[in-house]
Amino acid sequence: MSAGDEEGFFAPPPFVPSQALVQLQRTLRAVKGLGERADRFEWKGQPVITLVVDDAQIVARLAKRPALSPDWEVRSLRNGGDVRRFGDDVKRRVERWRDGDD
């Protein structure tokens, strides 16, 4: 077995943005307080997340704080790890927003 064969053995599965988008949307639907409307997710009627599939990645915009005209943070999700980190970050951010409302 050559070194090239070993690299292929441990290669992660290819990233398919459309499939990852479905999984990410499922994760976001499970976050308490987020609502889905068309191509975005909202927090108390304010847009906080938009997701768009672009060639080999998902372009995600996440609001720093809920607002009518939010300050957006743009992220490129290019692999499964990026998608998981984004989902975890959304959960933490929504928790902060929920704590701020109390």
C-alpha atoms as a PDB file:
ATOM      1  CA  MET A   1       0.000   0.000   0.000  1.00  0.00           C
ATOM      2  CA  SER A   2       1.494   3.366  -0.999  1.00  0.00           C
ATOM      3  CA  ALA A   3       1.261   6.685   0.809  1.00  0.00           C
ATOM      4  CA  GLY A   4      -1.303   7.899  -1.735  1.00  0.00           C
ATOM      5  CA  ASP A   5      -3.598   4.988  -0.898  1.00  0.00           C
ATOM      6  CA  GLU A   6      -3.446   5.799   2.822  1.00  0.00           C
ATOM      7  CA  GLU A   7      -4.491   9.422   2.227  1.00  0.00           C
ATOM      8  CA  GLY A   8      -7.613   8.287   0.357  1.00  0.00           C
ATOM      9  CA  PHE A   9      -8.504   5.824   3.096  1.00  0.00           C
ATOM     10  CA  PHE A  10      -8.979   8.598   5.688  1.00  0.00           C
ATOM     11  CA  ALA A  11     -10.457  11.217   3.365  1.00  0.00           C
ATOM     12  CA  PRO A  12     -13.712  12.731   4.644  1.00  0.00           C
ATOM     13  CA  PRO A  13     -16.773  12.370   2.446  1.00  0.00           C
ATOM     14  CA  PRO A  14     -17.176  15.107  -0.148  1.00  0.00           C
ATOM     15  CA  PHE A  15     -19.041  18.209   1.000  1.00  0.00           C
ATOM     16  CA  VAL A  16     -22.390  18.550  -0.775  1.00  0.00           C
ATOM     17  CA  PRO A  17     -23.772  22.016   0.076  1.00  0.00           C
ATOM     18  CA  SER A  18     -27.399  21.210  -0.762  1.00  0.00           C
ATOM     19  CA  GLN A  19     -27.390  18.220   1.603  1.00  0.00           C
ATOM     20  CA  ALA A  20     -25.570  20.175   4.307  1.00  0.00           C
ATOM     21  CA  LEU A  21     -28.149  22.968   3.965  1.00  0.00           C
ATOM     22  CA  VAL A  22     -30.991  20.536   4.687  1.00  0.00           C
ATOM     23  CA  GLN A  23     -29.190  19.277   7.807  1.00  0.00           C
ATOM     24  CA  LEU A  24     -28.395  22.830   8.962  1.00  0.00           C
ATOM     25  CA  GLN A  25     -32.010  23.934   8.496  1.00  0.00           C
ATOM     26  CA  ARG A  26     -33.127  20.944  10.567  1.00  0.00           C
ATOM     27  CA  THR A  27     -30.664  21.946  13.315  1.00  0.00           C
ATOM     28  CA  LEU A  28     -31.871  25.561  13.279  1.00  0.00           C
ATOM     29  CA  ARG A  29     -35.547  24.538  13.417  1.00  0.00           C
ATOM     30  CA  ALA A  30     -34.753  22.739  16.674  1.00  0.00           C
ATOM     31  CA  VAL A  31     -33.398  25.925  18.290  1.00  0.00           C
ATOM     32  CA  LYS A  32     -36.061  27.246  20.648  1.00  0.00           C
ATOM     33  CA  GLY A  33     -37.154  30.754  19.693  1.00  0.00           C
ATOM     34  CA  LEU A  34     -36.122  30.680  16.035  1.00  0.00           C
ATOM     35  CA  GLY A  35     -38.821  30.684  13.414  1.00  0.00           C
ATOM     36  CA  GLU A  36     -38.371  29.887   9.737  1.00  0.00           C
ATOM     37  CA  ARG A  37     -39.885  32.089   7.071  1.00  0.00           C
ATOM     38  CA  ALA A  38     -39.107  31.614   3.378  1.00  0.00           C
ATOM     39  CA  ASP A  39     -35.294  31.732   3.033  1.00  0.00           C
ATOM     40  CA  ARG A  40     -34.476  33.052   6.500  1.00  0.00           C
ATOM     41  CA  PHE A  41     -34.778  32.409  10.210  1.00  0.00           C
ATOM     42  CA  GLU A  42     -36.220  34.990  12.582  1.00  0.00           C
ATOM     43  CA  TRP A  43     -36.078  35.797  16.272  1.00  0.00           C
ATOM     44  CA  LYS A  44     -39.288  37.466  17.467  1.00  0.00           C
ATOM     45  CA  GLY A  45     -40.098  38.631  13.930  1.00  0.00           C
ATOM     46  CA  GLN A  46     -36.619  40.062  13.273  1.00  0.00           C
ATOM     47  CA  PRO A  47     -34.480  38.425  10.552  1.00  0.00           C
ATOM     48  CA  VAL A  48     -31.356  36.910  12.129  1.00  0.00           C
ATOM     49  CA  ILE A  49     -30.119  34.191   9.721  1.00  0.00           C
ATOM     50  CA  THR A  50     -30.089  33.794   5.949  1.00  0.00           C
ATOM     51  CA  LEU A  51     -28.627  30.792   4.135  1.00  0.00           C
ATOM     52  CA  VAL A  52     -27.750  30.556   0.432  1.00  0.00           C
ATOM     53  CA  VAL A  53     -26.095  27.687  -1.446  1.00  0.00           C
ATOM     54  CA  ASP A  54     -23.326  29.023  -3.688  1.00  0.00           C
ATOM     55  CA  ASP A  55     -21.402  26.481  -5.831  1.00  0.00           C
ATOM     56  CA  ALA A  56     -19.329  24.503  -3.317  1.00  0.00           C
ATOM     57  CA  GLN A  57     -20.344  26.289  -0.113  1.00  0.00           C
ATOM     58  CA  ILE A  58     -23.173  27.697   1.957  1.00  0.00           C
ATOM     59  CA  VAL A  59     -23.075  31.452   2.473  1.00  0.00           C
ATOM     60  CA  ALA A  60     -24.592  32.170   5.880  1.00  0.00           C
ATOM     61  CA  ARG A  61     -25.425  35.589   7.286  1.00  0.00           C
ATOM     62  CA  LEU A  62     -25.908  35.783  11.047  1.00  0.00           C
ATOM     63  CA  ALA A  63     -27.113  38.918  12.826  1.00  0.00           C
ATOM     64  CA  LYS A  64     -24.950  40.118  15.677  1.00  0.00           C
ATOM     65  CA  ARG A  65     -28.163  41.235  17.419  1.00  0.00           C
ATOM     66  CA  PRO A  66     -31.822  41.085  16.376  1.00  0.00           C
ATOM     67  CA  ALA A  67     -32.887  44.374  14.762  1.00  0.00           C
ATOM     68  CA  LEU A  68     -34.959  45.688  11.864  1.00  0.00           C
ATOM     69  CA  SER A  69     -31.693  46.364   9.999  1.00  0.00           C
ATOM     70  CA  PRO A  70     -29.218  43.992  11.645  1.00  0.00           C
ATOM     71  CA  ASP A  71     -25.444  44.170  11.495  1.00  0.00           C
ATOM     72  CA  TRP A  72     -24.661  40.968   9.554  1.00  0.00           C
ATOM     73  CA  GLU A  73     -21.731  38.641  10.046  1.00  0.00           C
ATOM     74  CA  VAL A  74     -21.098  36.684   6.819  1.00  0.00           C
ATOM     75  CA  ARG A  75     -19.617  33.177   6.925  1.00  0.00           C
ATOM     76  CA  SER A  76     -18.669  30.695   4.231  1.00  0.00           C
ATOM     77  CA  LEU A  77     -19.449  27.133   5.259  1.00  0.00           C
ATOM     78  CA  ARG A  78     -17.225  24.889   3.147  1.00  0.00           C
ATOM     79  CA  ASN A  79     -17.236  21.609   5.062  1.00  0.00           C
ATOM     80  CA  GLY A  80     -19.104  19.645   7.700  1.00  0.00           C
ATOM     81  CA  GLY A  81     -17.018  21.128  10.516  1.00  0.00           C
ATOM     82  CA  ASP A  82     -17.926  24.683   9.448  1.00  0.00           C
ATOM     83  CA  VAL A  83     -21.620  23.729   9.398  1.00  0.00           C
ATOM     84  CA  ARG A  84     -21.463  22.199  12.902  1.00  0.00           C
ATOM     85  CA  ARG A  85     -19.571  25.206  14.313  1.00  0.00           C
ATOM     86  CA  PHE A  86     -22.123  27.571  12.773  1.00  0.00           C
ATOM     87  CA  GLY A  87     -25.010  25.609  14.308  1.00  0.00           C
ATOM     88  CA  ASP A  88     -23.303  25.656  17.718  1.00  0.00           C
ATOM     89  CA  ASP A  89     -22.635  29.396  17.437  1.00  0.00           C
ATOM     90  CA  VAL A  90     -26.292  30.053  16.578  1.00  0.00           C
ATOM     91  CA  LYS A  91     -27.391  28.092  19.653  1.00  0.00           C
ATOM     92  CA  ARG A  92     -25.058  30.124  21.911  1.00  0.00           C
ATOM     93  CA  ARG A  93     -26.128  33.410  20.368  1.00  0.00           C
ATOM     94  CA  VAL A  94     -29.857  32.650  20.698  1.00  0.00           C
ATOM     95  CA  GLU A  95     -29.259  31.677  24.329  1.00  0.00           C
ATOM     96  CA  ARG A  96     -27.654  35.097  24.940  1.00  0.00           C
ATOM     97  CA  TRP A  97     -30.604  36.821  23.256  1.00  0.00           C
ATOM     98  CA  ARG A  98     -33.023  34.784  25.375  1.00  0.00           C
ATOM     99  CA  ASP A  99     -31.098  35.692  28.569  1.00  0.00           C
ATOM    100  CA  GLY A 100     -31.105  39.358  27.526  1.00  0.00           C
ATOM    101  CA  ASP A 101     -34.906  39.326  27.244  1.00  0.00           C
ATOM    102  CA  ASP A 102     -35.375  38.171  30.854  1.00  0.00           C
END
